[in-house]
PDB file of all heavy atoms in Angstrom:
ATOM      1  N   GLU A   1       0.794  -1.263  -0.034  1.00  0.00           N
ATOM      2  CA  GLU A   1       0.031   0.033  -0.018  1.00  0.00           C
ATOM      3  C   GLU A   1       0.897   1.228   0.033  1.00  0.00           C
ATOM      4  O   GLU A   1       1.810   1.394   0.821  1.00  0.00           O
ATOM      5  CB  GLU A   1      -0.915  -0.009   1.287  1.00  0.00           C
ATOM      6  CG  GLU A   1      -1.865   1.173   1.326  1.00  0.00           C
ATOM      7  CD  GLU A   1      -2.807   1.167   2.507  1.00  0.00           C
ATOM      8  OE1 GLU A   1      -2.616   0.234   3.305  1.00  0.00           O
ATOM      9  OE2 GLU A   1      -3.653   1.941   2.543  1.00  0.00           O
ATOM     10  N   ILE A   2       0.478   2.215  -0.848  1.00  0.00           N
ATOM     11  CA  ILE A   2       1.038   3.539  -0.996  1.00  0.00           C
ATOM     12  C   ILE A   2       2.539   3.466  -0.964  1.00  0.00           C
ATOM     13  O   ILE A   2       3.305   4.093  -0.243  1.00  0.00           O
ATOM     14  CB  ILE A   2       0.528   4.466   0.152  1.00  0.00           C
ATOM     15  CG1 ILE A   2      -0.917   4.381   0.399  1.00  0.00           C
ATOM     16  CG2 ILE A   2       0.927   5.925  -0.154  1.00  0.00           C
ATOM     17  CD1 ILE A   2      -1.452   5.134   1.637  1.00  0.00           C
ATOM     18  N   SER A   3       3.095   2.607  -1.827  1.00  0.00           N
ATOM     19  CA  SER A   3       4.520   2.275  -1.873  1.00  0.00           C
ATOM     20  C   SER A   3       4.962   2.262  -3.346  1.00  0.00           C
ATOM     21  O   SER A   3       4.235   2.401  -4.276  1.00  0.00           O
ATOM     22  CB  SER A   3       4.770   0.994  -1.192  1.00  0.00           C
ATOM     23  OG  SER A   3       4.580   1.070   0.213  1.00  0.00           O
ATOM     24  N   TYR A   4       6.229   1.941  -3.528  1.00  0.00           N
ATOM     25  CA  TYR A   4       6.888   1.944  -4.827  1.00  0.00           C
ATOM     26  C   TYR A   4       7.157   0.497  -5.249  1.00  0.00           C
ATOM     27  O   TYR A   4       6.733  -0.422  -4.678  1.00  0.00           O
ATOM     28  CB  TYR A   4       8.163   2.850  -4.863  1.00  0.00           C
ATOM     29  CG  TYR A   4       7.772   4.276  -4.516  1.00  0.00           C
ATOM     30  CD1 TYR A   4       7.904   4.749  -3.217  1.00  0.00           C
ATOM     31  CD2 TYR A   4       7.397   5.150  -5.480  1.00  0.00           C
ATOM     32  CE1 TYR A   4       7.592   6.123  -2.897  1.00  0.00           C
ATOM     33  CE2 TYR A   4       7.141   6.510  -5.200  1.00  0.00           C
ATOM     34  CZ  TYR A   4       7.299   6.967  -3.923  1.00  0.00           C
ATOM     35  OH  TYR A   4       7.017   8.228  -3.693  1.00  0.00           O
ATOM     36  N   ASP A   5       8.034   0.406  -6.190  1.00  0.00           N
ATOM     37  CA  ASP A   5       8.423  -0.849  -6.897  1.00  0.00           C
ATOM     38  C   ASP A   5       8.304  -2.137  -6.047  1.00  0.00           C
ATOM     39  O   ASP A   5       8.907  -2.130  -4.897  1.00  0.00           O
ATOM     40  CB  ASP A   5       9.816  -0.740  -7.483  1.00  0.00           C
ATOM     41  CG  ASP A   5       9.932   0.515  -8.271  1.00  0.00           C
ATOM     42  OD1 ASP A   5       8.978   0.952  -8.880  1.00  0.00           O
ATOM     43  OD2 ASP A   5      11.063   1.040  -8.366  1.00  0.00           O
ATOM     44  N   ALA A   6       7.694  -3.083  -6.498  1.00  0.00           N
ATOM     45  CA  ALA A   6       7.577  -4.419  -5.763  1.00  0.00           C
ATOM     46  C   ALA A   6       7.647  -5.556  -6.808  1.00  0.00           C
ATOM     47  O   ALA A   6       7.135  -5.463  -7.897  1.00  0.00           O
ATOM     48  CB  ALA A   6       6.277  -4.452  -4.976  1.00  0.00           C
ATOM     49  N   VAL A   7       8.159  -6.672  -6.374  1.00  0.00           N
ATOM     50  CA  VAL A   7       8.099  -7.945  -7.123  1.00  0.00           C
ATOM     51  C   VAL A   7       7.447  -8.923  -6.158  1.00  0.00           C
ATOM     52  O   VAL A   7       7.883  -9.083  -5.013  1.00  0.00           O
ATOM     53  CB  VAL A   7       9.500  -8.420  -7.569  1.00  0.00           C
ATOM     54  CG1 VAL A   7       9.411  -9.808  -8.062  1.00  0.00           C
ATOM     55  CG2 VAL A   7      10.137  -7.453  -8.516  1.00  0.00           C
ATOM     56  N   ILE A   8       6.443  -9.481  -6.655  1.00  0.00           N
ATOM     57  CA  ILE A   8       5.629 -10.474  -5.888  1.00  0.00           C
ATOM     58  C   ILE A   8       5.661 -11.771  -6.646  1.00  0.00           C
ATOM     59  O   ILE A   8       5.034 -11.879  -7.756  1.00  0.00           O
ATOM     60  CB  ILE A   8       4.187  -9.921  -5.670  1.00  0.00           C
ATOM     61  CG1 ILE A   8       4.161  -8.622  -4.970  1.00  0.00           C
ATOM     62  CG2 ILE A   8       3.399 -10.998  -4.847  1.00  0.00           C
ATOM     63  CD1 ILE A   8       2.943  -7.922  -4.900  1.00  0.00           C
ATOM     64  N   ARG A   9       6.366 -12.763  -6.186  1.00  0.00           N
ATOM     65  CA  ARG A   9       6.518 -14.082  -6.917  1.00  0.00           C
ATOM     66  C   ARG A   9       6.496 -15.235  -6.051  1.00  0.00           C
ATOM     67  O   ARG A   9       7.026 -15.223  -4.953  1.00  0.00           O
ATOM     68  CB  ARG A   9       7.741 -13.990  -7.861  1.00  0.00           C
ATOM     69  CG  ARG A   9       9.084 -13.942  -7.087  1.00  0.00           C
ATOM     70  CD  ARG A   9      10.155 -13.931  -8.089  1.00  0.00           C
ATOM     71  NE  ARG A   9      11.431 -13.791  -7.351  1.00  0.00           N
ATOM     72  CZ  ARG A   9      12.454 -12.923  -7.755  1.00  0.00           C
ATOM     73  NH1 ARG A   9      12.349 -12.218  -8.833  1.00  0.00           N
ATOM     74  NH2 ARG A   9      13.552 -12.902  -7.031  1.00  0.00           N
ATOM     75  N   ASP A  10       6.082 -16.327  -6.602  1.00  0.00           N
ATOM     76  CA  ASP A  10       6.144 -17.699  -5.955  1.00  0.00           C
ATOM     77  C   ASP A  10       5.550 -17.698  -4.584  1.00  0.00           C
ATOM     78  O   ASP A  10       6.114 -18.349  -3.683  1.00  0.00           O
ATOM     79  CB  ASP A  10       7.537 -18.210  -6.001  1.00  0.00           C
ATOM     80  CG  ASP A  10       8.072 -18.421  -7.380  1.00  0.00           C
ATOM     81  OD1 ASP A  10       7.252 -18.758  -8.242  1.00  0.00           O
ATOM     82  OD2 ASP A  10       9.217 -18.246  -7.690  1.00  0.00           O
ATOM     83  N   ASN A  11       4.461 -17.022  -4.341  1.00  0.00           N
ATOM     84  CA  ASN A  11       3.770 -17.151  -3.111  1.00  0.00           C
ATOM     85  C   ASN A  11       2.466 -18.024  -3.273  1.00  0.00           C
ATOM     86  O   ASN A  11       2.020 -18.102  -4.362  1.00  0.00           O
ATOM     87  CB  ASN A  11       3.294 -15.705  -2.642  1.00  0.00           C
ATOM     88  CG  ASN A  11       4.479 -14.783  -2.441  1.00  0.00           C
ATOM     89  OD1 ASN A  11       5.209 -14.875  -1.476  1.00  0.00           O
ATOM     90  ND2 ASN A  11       4.716 -13.925  -3.461  1.00  0.00           N
ATOM     91  N   SER A  12       1.976 -18.554  -2.199  1.00  0.00           N
ATOM     92  CA  SER A  12       0.755 -19.332  -2.305  1.00  0.00           C
ATOM     93  C   SER A  12      -0.244 -18.701  -1.349  1.00  0.00           C
ATOM     94  O   SER A  12       0.039 -18.161  -0.277  1.00  0.00           O
ATOM     95  CB  SER A  12       1.050 -20.782  -1.891  1.00  0.00           C
ATOM     96  OG  SER A  12       1.420 -20.938  -0.576  1.00  0.00           O
ATOM     97  N   PHE A  13      -1.512 -18.850  -1.779  1.00  0.00           N
ATOM     98  CA  PHE A  13      -2.614 -18.188  -1.094  1.00  0.00           C
ATOM     99  C   PHE A  13      -3.765 -19.206  -1.001  1.00  0.00           C
ATOM    100  O   PHE A  13      -4.103 -19.887  -1.925  1.00  0.00           O
ATOM    101  CB  PHE A  13      -3.166 -17.002  -1.922  1.00  0.00           C
ATOM    102  CG  PHE A  13      -2.134 -15.987  -2.246  1.00  0.00           C
ATOM    103  CD1 PHE A  13      -1.338 -16.114  -3.350  1.00  0.00           C
ATOM    104  CD2 PHE A  13      -1.978 -14.932  -1.394  1.00  0.00           C
ATOM    105  CE1 PHE A  13      -0.381 -15.178  -3.649  1.00  0.00           C
ATOM    106  CE2 PHE A  13      -1.009 -13.945  -1.644  1.00  0.00           C
ATOM    107  CZ  PHE A  13      -0.226 -14.040  -2.804  1.00  0.00           C
ATOM    108  N   ALA A  14      -4.427 -19.242   0.268  1.00  0.00           N
ATOM    109  CA  ALA A  14      -5.623 -20.085   0.436  1.00  0.00           C
ATOM    110  C   ALA A  14      -6.439 -19.570   1.566  1.00  0.00           C
ATOM    111  O   ALA A  14      -5.934 -19.278   2.660  1.00  0.00           O
ATOM    112  CB  ALA A  14      -5.108 -21.533   0.802  1.00  0.00           C
ATOM    113  N   GLY A  15      -7.699 -19.415   1.274  1.00  0.00           N
ATOM    114  CA  GLY A  15      -8.701 -19.007   2.277  1.00  0.00           C
ATOM    115  C   GLY A  15      -8.558 -17.681   2.842  1.00  0.00           C
ATOM    116  O   GLY A  15      -8.973 -17.499   4.096  1.00  0.00           O
ATOM    117  N   ASN A  16      -7.951 -16.678   2.248  1.00  0.00           N
ATOM    118  CA  ASN A  16      -7.831 -15.333   2.738  1.00  0.00           C
ATOM    119  C   ASN A  16      -9.053 -14.496   2.342  1.00  0.00           C
ATOM    120  O   ASN A  16      -9.676 -14.751   1.325  1.00  0.00           O
ATOM    121  CB  ASN A  16      -6.590 -14.705   2.189  1.00  0.00           C
ATOM    122  CG  ASN A  16      -5.279 -15.411   2.657  1.00  0.00           C
ATOM    123  OD1 ASN A  16      -5.019 -15.513   3.852  1.00  0.00           O
ATOM    124  ND2 ASN A  16      -4.617 -16.063   1.772  1.00  0.00           N
ATOM    125  N   GLY A  17      -9.271 -13.420   3.084  1.00  0.00           N
ATOM    126  CA  GLY A  17     -10.334 -12.432   2.781  1.00  0.00           C
ATOM    127  C   GLY A  17     -11.721 -12.806   3.061  1.00  0.00           C
ATOM    128  O   GLY A  17     -12.652 -12.065   2.700  1.00  0.00           O
ATOM    129  N   ALA A  18     -12.010 -13.853   3.825  1.00  0.00           N
ATOM    130  CA  ALA A  18     -13.331 -14.227   4.181  1.00  0.00           C
ATOM    131  C   ALA A  18     -14.128 -13.167   4.927  1.00  0.00           C
ATOM    132  O   ALA A  18     -15.388 -13.118   4.767  1.00  0.00           O
ATOM    133  CB  ALA A  18     -13.333 -15.545   4.910  1.00  0.00           C
ATOM    134  N   ALA A  19     -13.463 -12.361   5.757  1.00  0.00           N
ATOM    135  CA  ALA A  19     -14.158 -11.380   6.537  1.00  0.00           C
ATOM    136  C   ALA A  19     -14.384 -10.060   5.768  1.00  0.00           C
ATOM    137  O   ALA A  19     -14.949  -9.134   6.372  1.00  0.00           O
ATOM    138  CB  ALA A  19     -13.321 -11.082   7.786  1.00  0.00           C
ATOM    139  N   VAL A  20     -13.983  -9.993   4.526  1.00  0.00           N
ATOM    140  CA  VAL A  20     -14.042  -8.772   3.742  1.00  0.00           C
ATOM    141  C   VAL A  20     -14.826  -9.055   2.463  1.00  0.00           C
ATOM    142  O   VAL A  20     -14.312  -9.363   1.515  1.00  0.00           O
ATOM    143  CB  VAL A  20     -12.643  -8.272   3.414  1.00  0.00           C
ATOM    144  CG1 VAL A  20     -12.752  -6.870   2.778  1.00  0.00           C
ATOM    145  CG2 VAL A  20     -11.701  -8.167   4.587  1.00  0.00           C
ATOM    146  N   PRO A  21     -16.133  -8.864   2.566  1.00  0.00           N
ATOM    147  CA  PRO A  21     -17.070  -9.187   1.421  1.00  0.00           C
ATOM    148  C   PRO A  21     -16.937  -8.129   0.308  1.00  0.00           C
ATOM    149  O   PRO A  21     -17.383  -8.367  -0.810  1.00  0.00           O
ATOM    150  CB  PRO A  21     -18.441  -9.240   1.994  1.00  0.00           C
ATOM    151  CG  PRO A  21     -18.355  -8.278   3.214  1.00  0.00           C
ATOM    152  CD  PRO A  21     -17.023  -8.486   3.721  1.00  0.00           C
ATOM    153  N   GLU A  22     -16.419  -6.916   0.593  1.00  0.00           N
ATOM    154  CA  GLU A  22     -16.290  -5.844  -0.413  1.00  0.00           C
ATOM    155  C   GLU A  22     -15.341  -6.235  -1.501  1.00  0.00           C
ATOM    156  O   GLU A  22     -14.341  -6.899  -1.218  1.00  0.00           O
ATOM    157  CB  GLU A  22     -15.921  -4.531   0.238  1.00  0.00           C
ATOM    158  CG  GLU A  22     -16.920  -3.960   1.212  1.00  0.00           C
ATOM    159  CD  GLU A  22     -16.721  -4.480   2.639  1.00  0.00           C
ATOM    160  OE1 GLU A  22     -15.651  -5.079   2.924  1.00  0.00           O
ATOM    161  OE2 GLU A  22     -17.641  -4.434   3.416  1.00  0.00           O
ATOM    162  N   TRP A  23     -15.590  -5.658  -2.648  1.00  0.00           N
ATOM    163  CA  TRP A  23     -14.724  -5.925  -3.868  1.00  0.00           C
ATOM    164  C   TRP A  23     -13.264  -5.380  -3.505  1.00  0.00           C
ATOM    165  O   TRP A  23     -13.118  -4.368  -2.849  1.00  0.00           O
ATOM    166  CB  TRP A  23     -15.283  -5.076  -5.038  1.00  0.00           C
ATOM    167  CG  TRP A  23     -14.346  -5.045  -6.144  1.00  0.00           C
ATOM    168  CD1 TRP A  23     -14.236  -6.008  -7.131  1.00  0.00           C
ATOM    169  CD2 TRP A  23     -13.521  -4.019  -6.557  1.00  0.00           C
ATOM    170  NE1 TRP A  23     -13.308  -5.677  -8.053  1.00  0.00           N
ATOM    171  CE2 TRP A  23     -12.804  -4.428  -7.775  1.00  0.00           C
ATOM    172  CE3 TRP A  23     -13.125  -2.775  -6.017  1.00  0.00           C
ATOM    173  CZ2 TRP A  23     -11.918  -3.640  -8.348  1.00  0.00           C
ATOM    174  CZ3 TRP A  23     -12.177  -2.047  -6.621  1.00  0.00           C
ATOM    175  CH2 TRP A  23     -11.680  -2.463  -7.731  1.00  0.00           C
ATOM    176  N   LEU A  24     -12.373  -6.120  -3.835  1.00  0.00           N
ATOM    177  CA  LEU A  24     -10.876  -5.797  -3.795  1.00  0.00           C
ATOM    178  C   LEU A  24     -10.236  -6.026  -2.487  1.00  0.00           C
ATOM    179  O   LEU A  24      -9.168  -6.626  -2.416  1.00  0.00           O
ATOM    180  CB  LEU A  24     -10.711  -4.324  -4.301  1.00  0.00           C
ATOM    181  CG  LEU A  24      -9.266  -3.891  -4.316  1.00  0.00           C
ATOM    182  CD1 LEU A  24      -8.493  -4.644  -5.425  1.00  0.00           C
ATOM    183  CD2 LEU A  24      -9.167  -2.324  -4.587  1.00  0.00           C
ATOM    184  N   TRP A  25     -10.796  -5.589  -1.303  1.00  0.00           N
ATOM    185  CA  TRP A  25     -10.069  -5.605  -0.107  1.00  0.00           C
ATOM    186  C   TRP A  25      -9.710  -6.994   0.406  1.00  0.00           C
ATOM    187  O   TRP A  25      -8.838  -7.119   1.156  1.00  0.00           O
ATOM    188  CB  TRP A  25     -10.870  -4.819   0.938  1.00  0.00           C
ATOM    189  CG  TRP A  25     -11.089  -3.420   0.589  1.00  0.00           C
ATOM    190  CD1 TRP A  25     -12.238  -2.844   0.116  1.00  0.00           C
ATOM    191  CD2 TRP A  25     -10.096  -2.385   0.554  1.00  0.00           C
ATOM    192  NE1 TRP A  25     -11.996  -1.492  -0.206  1.00  0.00           N
ATOM    193  CE2 TRP A  25     -10.712  -1.214   0.065  1.00  0.00           C
ATOM    194  CE3 TRP A  25      -8.708  -2.358   0.884  1.00  0.00           C
ATOM    195  CZ2 TRP A  25     -10.002  -0.042  -0.121  1.00  0.00           C
ATOM    196  CZ3 TRP A  25      -8.039  -1.157   0.653  1.00  0.00           C
ATOM    197  CH2 TRP A  25      -8.638   0.025   0.154  1.00  0.00           C
ATOM    198  N   GLY A  26     -10.534  -7.967   0.001  1.00  0.00           N
ATOM    199  CA  GLY A  26     -10.190  -9.349   0.371  1.00  0.00           C
ATOM    200  C   GLY A  26      -9.415 -10.144  -0.633  1.00  0.00           C
ATOM    201  O   GLY A  26      -9.328 -11.364  -0.548  1.00  0.00           O
ATOM    202  N   SER A  27      -8.830  -9.474  -1.638  1.00  0.00           N
ATOM    203  CA  SER A  27      -8.185 -10.170  -2.722  1.00  0.00           C
ATOM    204  C   SER A  27      -6.862 -10.809  -2.305  1.00  0.00           C
ATOM    205  O   SER A  27      -6.232 -10.468  -1.210  1.00  0.00           O
ATOM    206  CB  SER A  27      -7.901  -9.262  -3.873  1.00  0.00           C
ATOM    207  OG  SER A  27      -7.020  -8.182  -3.447  1.00  0.00           O
ATOM    208  N   ALA A  28      -6.351 -11.735  -3.040  1.00  0.00           N
ATOM    209  CA  ALA A  28      -5.096 -12.427  -2.771  1.00  0.00           C
ATOM    210  C   ALA A  28      -3.934 -11.394  -2.746  1.00  0.00           C
ATOM    211  O   ALA A  28      -3.113 -11.361  -1.804  1.00  0.00           O
ATOM    212  CB  ALA A  28      -4.790 -13.509  -3.748  1.00  0.00           C
ATOM    213  N   ILE A  29      -3.858 -10.571  -3.759  1.00  0.00           N
ATOM    214  CA  ILE A  29      -2.763  -9.497  -3.815  1.00  0.00           C
ATOM    215  C   ILE A  29      -3.464  -8.192  -4.112  1.00  0.00           C
ATOM    216  O   ILE A  29      -4.262  -8.013  -5.086  1.00  0.00           O
ATOM    217  CB  ILE A  29      -1.813  -9.727  -4.924  1.00  0.00           C
ATOM    218  CG1 ILE A  29      -1.116 -11.116  -4.675  1.00  0.00           C
ATOM    219  CG2 ILE A  29      -0.778  -8.674  -5.012  1.00  0.00           C
ATOM    220  CD1 ILE A  29      -0.270 -11.604  -5.872  1.00  0.00           C
ATOM    221  N   GLN A  30      -3.168  -7.234  -3.324  1.00  0.00           N
ATOM    222  CA  GLN A  30      -3.734  -5.832  -3.443  1.00  0.00           C
ATOM    223  C   GLN A  30      -2.502  -4.848  -3.562  1.00  0.00           C
ATOM    224  O   GLN A  30      -1.672  -4.849  -2.638  1.00  0.00           O
ATOM    225  CB  GLN A  30      -4.602  -5.460  -2.304  1.00  0.00           C
ATOM    226  CG  GLN A  30      -5.197  -4.028  -2.483  1.00  0.00           C
ATOM    227  CD  GLN A  30      -6.023  -3.707  -1.277  1.00  0.00           C
ATOM    228  OE1 GLN A  30      -6.426  -4.548  -0.463  1.00  0.00           O
ATOM    229  NE2 GLN A  30      -6.295  -2.439  -1.155  1.00  0.00           N
ATOM    230  N   ILE A  31      -2.453  -4.152  -4.691  1.00  0.00           N
ATOM    231  CA  ILE A  31      -1.315  -3.183  -4.920  1.00  0.00           C
ATOM    232  C   ILE A  31      -1.909  -1.806  -5.040  1.00  0.00           C
ATOM    233  O   ILE A  31      -2.619  -1.527  -5.958  1.00  0.00           O
ATOM    234  CB  ILE A  31      -0.455  -3.593  -6.096  1.00  0.00           C
ATOM    235  CG1 ILE A  31       0.066  -5.027  -5.995  1.00  0.00           C
ATOM    236  CG2 ILE A  31       0.692  -2.605  -6.274  1.00  0.00           C
ATOM    237  CD1 ILE A  31       0.715  -5.473  -7.184  1.00  0.00           C
ATOM    238  N   GLN A  32      -1.510  -0.903  -4.156  1.00  0.00           N
ATOM    239  CA  GLN A  32      -1.860   0.533  -4.210  1.00  0.00           C
ATOM    240  C   GLN A  32      -0.493   1.225  -4.375  1.00  0.00           C
ATOM    241  O   GLN A  32       0.233   1.273  -3.433  1.00  0.00           O
ATOM    242  CB  GLN A  32      -2.564   0.959  -3.022  1.00  0.00           C
ATOM    243  CG  GLN A  32      -3.834   0.189  -2.676  1.00  0.00           C
ATOM    244  CD  GLN A  32      -4.411   0.636  -1.366  1.00  0.00           C
ATOM    245  OE1 GLN A  32      -4.444   1.838  -1.024  1.00  0.00           O
ATOM    246  NE2 GLN A  32      -4.843  -0.312  -0.586  1.00  0.00           N
ATOM    247  N   ILE A  33      -0.266   1.776  -5.563  1.00  0.00           N
ATOM    248  CA  ILE A  33       1.108   2.216  -5.817  1.00  0.00           C
ATOM    249  C   ILE A  33       1.152   3.726  -6.010  1.00  0.00           C
ATOM    250  O   ILE A  33       0.201   4.438  -6.282  1.00  0.00           O
ATOM    251  CB  ILE A  33       1.676   1.567  -7.105  1.00  0.00           C
ATOM    252  CG1 ILE A  33       0.753   1.741  -8.289  1.00  0.00           C
ATOM    253  CG2 ILE A  33       1.839   0.080  -6.791  1.00  0.00           C
ATOM    254  CD1 ILE A  33       1.245   1.221  -9.550  1.00  0.00           C
ATOM    255  N   ARG A  34       2.376   4.269  -5.872  1.00  0.00           N
ATOM    256  CA  ARG A  34       2.666   5.708  -6.095  1.00  0.00           C
ATOM    257  C   ARG A  34       2.944   5.728  -7.619  1.00  0.00           C
ATOM    258  O   ARG A  34       3.155   4.789  -8.288  1.00  0.00           O
ATOM    259  CB  ARG A  34       3.947   6.130  -5.297  1.00  0.00           C
ATOM    260  CG  ARG A  34       3.692   6.028  -3.810  1.00  0.00           C
ATOM    261  CD  ARG A  34       3.358   7.351  -3.232  1.00  0.00           C
ATOM    262  NE  ARG A  34       3.297   7.223  -1.804  1.00  0.00           N
ATOM    263  CZ  ARG A  34       3.266   8.227  -1.056  1.00  0.00           C
ATOM    264  NH1 ARG A  34       3.269   9.396  -1.560  1.00  0.00           N
ATOM    265  NH2 ARG A  34       3.190   8.074   0.236  1.00  0.00           N
ATOM    266  N   SER A  35       2.961   6.922  -8.236  1.00  0.00           N
ATOM    267  CA  SER A  35       2.904   7.075  -9.629  1.00  0.00           C
ATOM    268  C   SER A  35       4.108   6.457 -10.344  1.00  0.00           C
ATOM    269  O   SER A  35       4.086   6.168 -11.538  1.00  0.00           O
ATOM    270  CB  SER A  35       2.712   8.544 -10.053  1.00  0.00           C
ATOM    271  OG  SER A  35       3.751   9.341  -9.457  1.00  0.00           O
TER     272      SER A  35
END
């Protein structure tokens, strides 16, 4: 969140975001970037 360059690789995700029914906030990967 609100950060710069990132590499996200070879991670595994299971069962995350169940408490966040809104679009996006419960996603596996969320990137909010600076310009």
